Amino acid sequence: MNAQSDHLAIFMTATDTGVGKTTVTAALVLALQKKGHRVGVMKPVETGLDLQQPETSDTGRLQSLLSPPPPFASVCLYAFPQPIAPLACARATGTTIDVAGIATAFHVVRQQHSVCFVEGAGGVFTPLSSTHTIRDLIVSLDLPAIVVSRTSLGSVNHLLLTLEALHSAGIKPCGIVLNDPLPSTQNKCFIQQRTSTIGLIQEWSRVRVFGPLEYQETVQTDWRRGIENLANHHEIQRLANHLIENEP
């Protein structure tokens, strides 16, 4: 646990965008709530957001899991409608994403909860400003990180590069979650590739691996029910217990 606080806090990052950070974060929120923890969430920056229907956004979905739901603006400080990178959004709207300001808001949220998750945008080198990336934000918040990764071809390289980027900045990876955001197939070549990818990640990462979390169609068709089901998945439960028992 971070020496600055006795409140557990974790940064949720990934090897790329669309890997399933929000899905995994949401499942962990529900799993830890069921264990009696008061859980807080921040997604400081989100792009591609429908401002007319914020409840359908990643922020809105995370917000809906909390009781009582906090104001949208306290979960997401920078919400952009453009489906492009945060820095490009900020420049297009004349906004500057203030990493120090995010850190100040985070410390307020952290003190109000026994567990707090901060979800990033894209991967660790996603630019937030002309001088800061997601990695810089993690450093500023002084948090360990969970990395969400696919199991598809190329994932070994993407994951090891992400871990190297975290290690070189002094960020502790406290877990890897393997997630399948798309339907799988019983094709022999696919099964062989997936199995070998999982094995190599477990061998080379030197970080505790959780999953894989198999694709669940319910997450797409009935998000809340799908997340509730996923929260009971044995690998999510194992990760939740690991975080509480080991306090990274």
Foldseek 3Di string as FASTA:
>chain_A
DDPVDQAFEAEEFALWPPLQSLLLVLLLLVLVVVVVWQEAEAAAEDELADPVCNCPDSLNVSQVSHVVRDDSCLRYVYYYNHPDFQAVRCVVVVHADDLVVVLVSVVVRRVVTNYYYYYYGTHQQRDNHPPDGNLNSCVSNVHAYEYEFELFPPGLVSVQVRLVSCVVSVHHHAEYEYEHQDADDPPPVRVVSSVVSVVSCVVPVPHHYFDPDHHDCCCVVPVVVVSNVVSPPPRSNVVSCSCVVVVD
